Amino acid sequence: MTSLPAFAIFDLDGTLADSQVGILSSFRSTLNELGLNPSDERLKCLIGPPLEDSFSQLGIDGQHLAAVVERYRGFYAETGVRLCELYGGVAEMLEGLSRRGVRMGVATSKRVDFAHEMLDSLGVRHHFETVSGASIDGRLTLKTDIVGEVLSYFQPTQMREIWMVGDREYDVLAAKFHGLLPIGVLWGYGTRDELMSSGAEVIIRDPSQLLEMEDEIEGGDPVCWAHLLCPTCGVVLGGEHRSEECEAS
């Protein structure tokens, strides 16, 4: 069993909390005013990135981005921020890490005041020493910079021993940028392919597995180093299973 890290950084939307209802509602209200009506599936793919990136992908040009993002945040502040819930097992996982002395922070592309409000309403804010998010003045928006702000608070010396836990490629890429261990979760809004292609080194299916991280991979163990997963079906390679022979291909 590998020792738990001194520090762990968590994404918020899609990692700690299922905030899809509030985010999609706010997207929909904003886009309705613009005469746009993308599908829910299209919008779900935009949960996680900075809002400027999401609206750019929907065709909003640069000169209107700031106003559109501000309108979205108005809708989100009214109702969206409260339409969320913790994923099953997250509260227990956070409690377990806290009891074992892991110091934790949040790094989210959500505006930082919304992040504080959400964590308070979910009853888990006390687990996190620091919460970093997009700044109200627009100065801080990139995930790499937001993660960097958390690191500046913790001032660690061994970056590789820090977990960055998230459900999207932005979390993985930010972890790699800072030399952290990128851990991808499969219960959020990203996909296995997205996490693996962006460089996640550990893939987990359940929050409790963060308390059970192992160095040695056993057959069928869902907590594993990503390079030992079959890229086709996701099971652990070895024994009779070979990726080139996978029946799912």
Protein backbone atom coordinates (compact mmCIF):
# COMPACT_ATOMS: atom_id res chain seq x y z
CA MET A 1 0.00 0.00 0.00
CA THR A 2 1.46 3.33 -0.99
CA SER A 3 1.49 6.00 1.70
CA LEU A 4 -1.06 8.75 1.36
CA PRO A 5 0.27 12.11 0.18
CA ALA A 6 0.91 15.11 2.37
CA PHE A 7 -1.26 17.20 0.04
CA ALA A 8 -4.18 16.49 -2.28
CA ILE A 9 -5.80 18.98 -4.64
CA PHE A 10 -9.34 18.37 -5.90
CA ASP A 11 -11.33 19.71 -8.80
CA LEU A 12 -14.89 20.62 -7.79
CA ASP A 13 -17.47 20.16 -10.58
CA GLY A 14 -17.56 16.53 -11.68
CA THR A 15 -15.10 15.43 -8.99
CA LEU A 16 -16.49 16.40 -5.59
CA ALA A 17 -19.96 17.52 -6.64
CA ASP A 18 -22.49 16.77 -9.32
CA SER A 19 -23.43 20.31 -10.31
CA GLN A 20 -24.70 19.45 -13.76
CA VAL A 21 -28.29 20.60 -13.22
CA GLY A 22 -27.32 24.10 -12.10
CA ILE A 23 -24.65 24.54 -14.76
CA LEU A 24 -26.82 23.33 -17.64
CA SER A 25 -29.72 25.48 -16.46
CA SER A 26 -27.48 28.55 -16.42
CA PHE A 27 -26.00 27.72 -19.83
CA ARG A 28 -29.47 27.22 -21.24
CA SER A 29 -30.84 30.50 -19.85
CA THR A 30 -27.86 32.43 -21.18
CA LEU A 31 -27.95 30.85 -24.63
CA ASN A 32 -31.72 31.28 -24.96
CA GLU A 33 -31.18 35.03 -24.77
CA LEU A 34 -28.74 34.69 -27.67
CA GLY A 35 -31.10 32.58 -29.76
CA LEU A 36 -28.88 29.50 -29.46
CA ASN A 37 -30.21 26.05 -28.61
CA PRO A 38 -27.43 23.42 -28.46
CA SER A 39 -28.29 19.95 -27.23
CA ASP A 40 -27.82 18.93 -23.61
CA GLU A 41 -25.16 16.48 -24.75
CA ARG A 42 -23.24 19.32 -26.38
CA LEU A 43 -23.49 21.40 -23.21
CA LYS A 44 -22.41 18.53 -20.95
CA CYS A 45 -19.10 18.42 -22.80
CA LEU A 46 -18.49 22.03 -21.74
CA ILE A 47 -18.71 21.41 -17.99
CA GLY A 48 -15.26 21.84 -16.49
CA PRO A 49 -13.32 24.18 -18.81
CA PRO A 50 -13.11 27.92 -18.12
CA LEU A 51 -16.36 29.61 -19.18
CA GLU A 52 -14.57 31.64 -21.82
CA ASP A 53 -13.43 28.42 -23.50
CA SER A 54 -16.89 26.87 -23.27
CA PHE A 55 -18.68 29.83 -24.81
CA SER A 56 -16.00 30.14 -27.49
CA GLN A 57 -16.71 26.54 -28.47
CA LEU A 58 -20.36 27.51 -28.83
CA GLY A 59 -19.45 30.20 -31.34
CA ILE A 60 -19.45 33.33 -29.16
CA ASP A 61 -16.84 35.70 -30.55
CA GLY A 62 -14.16 37.30 -28.43
CA GLN A 63 -15.61 40.79 -28.22
CA HIS A 64 -18.82 39.46 -26.63
CA LEU A 65 -17.31 36.80 -24.39
CA ALA A 66 -16.97 38.90 -21.24
CA ALA A 67 -20.59 40.05 -21.37
CA VAL A 68 -21.91 36.55 -22.04
CA VAL A 69 -19.87 35.05 -19.20
CA GLU A 70 -21.16 37.76 -16.87
CA ARG A 71 -24.74 37.01 -17.90
CA TYR A 72 -24.19 33.30 -17.25
CA ARG A 73 -22.83 34.08 -13.79
CA GLY A 74 -25.89 36.16 -13.05
CA PHE A 75 -28.14 33.18 -13.75
CA TYR A 76 -25.82 30.87 -11.84
CA ALA A 77 -25.79 33.14 -8.78
CA GLU A 78 -29.59 33.28 -8.71
CA THR A 79 -30.27 29.55 -8.65
CA GLY A 80 -27.60 27.40 -10.29
CA VAL A 81 -25.01 27.39 -7.51
CA ARG A 82 -27.42 25.65 -5.14
CA LEU A 83 -28.46 22.93 -7.61
CA CYS A 84 -25.75 20.44 -6.71
CA GLU A 85 -25.00 17.43 -4.55
CA LEU A 86 -21.97 15.49 -3.44
CA TYR A 87 -21.21 12.33 -5.34
CA GLY A 88 -21.79 9.19 -3.32
CA GLY A 89 -18.79 8.34 -1.18
CA VAL A 90 -17.12 11.76 -1.43
CA ALA A 91 -17.99 12.86 2.12
CA GLU A 92 -16.60 9.61 3.53
CA MET A 93 -13.49 9.86 1.38
CA LEU A 94 -12.76 13.40 2.52
CA GLU A 95 -13.32 12.44 6.15
CA GLY A 96 -10.95 9.49 5.75
CA LEU A 97 -8.21 11.60 4.18
CA SER A 98 -8.62 14.26 6.88
CA ARG A 99 -8.33 11.68 9.65
CA ARG A 100 -5.12 10.40 8.10
CA GLY A 101 -3.56 13.84 8.05
CA VAL A 102 -3.78 14.68 4.33
CA ARG A 103 -3.94 18.43 3.80
CA MET A 104 -6.41 19.30 1.06
CA GLY A 105 -7.25 22.14 -1.28
CA VAL A 106 -9.67 22.82 -4.13
CA ALA A 107 -8.70 24.11 -7.57
CA THR A 108 -11.70 24.86 -9.77
CA SER A 109 -12.48 26.86 -12.89
CA LYS A 110 -15.68 27.96 -11.14
CA ARG A 111 -15.57 31.52 -9.81
CA VAL A 112 -14.02 31.38 -6.36
CA ASP A 113 -16.95 32.92 -4.46
CA PHE A 114 -19.31 30.36 -6.03
CA ALA A 115 -16.91 27.59 -5.04
CA HIS A 116 -16.92 28.69 -1.41
CA GLU A 117 -20.72 28.94 -1.41
CA MET A 118 -21.11 25.48 -2.94
CA LEU A 119 -18.66 23.80 -0.55
CA ASP A 120 -20.38 25.47 2.41
CA SER A 121 -23.82 24.34 1.26
CA LEU A 122 -22.53 20.78 0.76
CA GLY A 123 -21.06 20.73 4.27
CA VAL A 124 -17.47 19.91 3.29
CA ARG A 125 -15.74 23.29 3.25
CA HIS A 126 -14.00 22.54 6.57
CA HIS A 127 -11.92 19.80 4.96
CA PHE A 128 -10.06 22.24 2.71
CA GLU A 129 -7.35 24.60 3.91
CA THR A 130 -7.53 26.64 0.73
CA VAL A 131 -9.96 27.04 -2.15
CA SER A 132 -8.80 28.59 -5.41
CA GLY A 133 -10.98 29.37 -8.41
CA ALA A 134 -11.48 31.87 -11.19
CA SER A 135 -11.08 35.33 -9.71
CA ILE A 136 -13.97 37.78 -9.65
CA ASP A 137 -11.85 40.39 -11.47
CA GLY A 138 -10.98 37.96 -14.29
CA ARG A 139 -7.27 37.96 -13.47
CA LEU A 140 -7.18 34.23 -12.74
CA THR A 141 -8.92 31.87 -15.17
CA LEU A 142 -6.47 29.18 -16.39
CA LYS A 143 -6.51 25.85 -14.53
CA THR A 144 -2.72 25.74 -14.42
CA ASP A 145 -2.66 29.13 -12.65
CA ILE A 146 -5.46 28.14 -10.29
CA VAL A 147 -3.61 24.97 -9.29
CA GLY A 148 -0.48 27.09 -8.92
CA GLU A 149 -2.27 29.32 -6.44
CA VAL A 150 -3.10 26.29 -4.27
CA LEU A 151 0.52 25.15 -4.46
CA SER A 152 1.69 28.61 -3.42
CA TYR A 153 -0.43 28.24 -0.29
CA PHE A 154 0.90 24.77 0.59
CA GLN A 155 4.51 25.46 -0.50
CA PRO A 156 5.37 21.77 -0.95
CA THR A 157 8.87 20.48 -1.58
CA GLN A 158 8.07 17.16 -3.30
CA MET A 159 5.69 17.99 -6.14
CA ARG A 160 5.51 14.45 -7.50
CA GLU A 161 4.00 13.23 -4.22
CA ILE A 162 1.00 15.58 -4.49
CA TRP A 163 -2.28 14.29 -5.91
CA MET A 164 -4.28 16.30 -8.41
CA VAL A 165 -7.71 14.64 -8.61
CA GLY A 166 -10.11 15.57 -11.40
CA ASP A 167 -12.49 14.38 -14.09
CA ARG A 168 -11.36 16.38 -17.13
CA GLU A 169 -8.25 16.81 -19.24
CA TYR A 170 -7.75 20.32 -17.83
CA ASP A 171 -7.11 18.80 -14.40
CA VAL A 172 -4.67 16.26 -15.80
CA LEU A 173 -2.77 18.82 -17.89
CA ALA A 174 -2.53 21.21 -14.93
CA ALA A 175 -1.15 18.39 -12.79
CA LYS A 176 1.46 17.53 -15.42
CA PHE A 177 2.41 21.19 -15.83
CA HIS A 178 3.27 21.40 -12.13
CA GLY A 179 4.76 17.91 -11.85
CA LEU A 180 1.95 16.47 -9.69
CA LEU A 181 0.47 12.97 -9.83
CA PRO A 182 -2.62 13.21 -12.10
CA ILE A 183 -5.50 11.03 -10.89
CA GLY A 184 -8.55 10.75 -13.16
CA VAL A 185 -12.02 9.92 -11.84
CA LEU A 186 -14.66 8.18 -13.93
CA TRP A 187 -17.83 9.36 -12.17
CA GLY A 188 -17.67 12.92 -13.48
CA TYR A 189 -18.12 14.60 -16.87
CA GLY A 190 -14.98 13.45 -18.65
CA THR A 191 -14.39 10.10 -20.31
CA ARG A 192 -11.77 7.41 -19.83
CA ASP A 193 -10.35 8.21 -23.28
CA GLU A 194 -10.07 11.90 -22.44
CA LEU A 195 -8.29 11.23 -19.16
CA MET A 196 -5.90 8.65 -20.55
CA SER A 197 -5.04 10.59 -23.70
CA SER A 198 -4.24 13.70 -21.65
CA GLY A 199 -1.89 11.71 -19.41
CA ALA A 200 -3.74 10.57 -16.27
CA GLU A 201 -1.52 8.06 -14.50
CA VAL A 202 -4.14 6.65 -12.14
CA ILE A 203 -7.79 5.96 -12.98
CA ILE A 204 -10.40 5.33 -10.26
CA ARG A 205 -14.09 4.43 -10.40
CA ASP A 206 -15.12 5.19 -6.82
CA PRO A 207 -14.06 7.86 -4.26
CA SER A 208 -13.25 5.23 -1.63
CA GLN A 209 -10.43 3.96 -3.83
CA LEU A 210 -8.34 7.03 -3.00
CA LEU A 211 -7.95 5.49 0.45
CA GLU A 212 -6.80 2.21 -1.08
CA MET A 213 -4.12 3.26 -3.55
CA GLU A 214 -1.72 0.39 -4.19
CA ASP A 215 1.69 0.19 -5.83
CA GLU A 216 1.11 -3.37 -6.96
CA ILE A 217 -1.68 -3.98 -9.46
CA GLU A 218 -3.76 -7.07 -8.84
CA GLY A 219 -5.95 -8.65 -11.52
CA GLY A 220 -9.30 -6.92 -11.66
CA ASP A 221 -8.34 -4.20 -9.19
CA PRO A 222 -10.11 -1.01 -10.40
CA VAL A 223 -7.44 1.22 -8.84
CA CYS A 224 -4.55 1.07 -11.23
CA TRP A 225 -1.87 2.87 -13.14
CA ALA A 226 -3.43 4.00 -16.39
CA HIS A 227 -0.72 2.55 -18.62
CA LEU A 228 -1.74 -0.90 -17.36
CA LEU A 229 -5.35 -0.47 -18.47
CA CYS A 230 -6.61 -1.93 -21.73
CA PRO A 231 -7.21 1.11 -23.98
CA THR A 232 -10.25 -0.61 -25.50
CA CYS A 233 -12.29 -1.84 -22.55
CA GLY A 234 -10.48 -0.44 -19.51
CA VAL A 235 -9.77 -3.65 -17.56
CA VAL A 236 -6.36 -4.34 -16.08
CA LEU A 237 -3.99 -5.93 -18.59
CA GLY A 238 -2.34 -9.22 -17.74
CA GLY A 239 -3.18 -12.89 -17.43
CA GLU A 240 -5.38 -13.84 -20.37
CA HIS A 241 -6.29 -10.28 -21.35
CA ARG A 242 -4.26 -8.57 -24.07
CA SER A 243 -5.29 -5.26 -25.64
CA GLU A 244 -4.57 -6.52 -29.16
CA GLU A 245 -6.94 -9.44 -28.57
CA CYS A 246 -9.70 -7.50 -26.81
CA GLU A 247 -13.13 -8.62 -28.04
CA ALA A 248 -14.48 -5.10 -27.49
CA SER A 249 -12.31 -3.76 -30.31
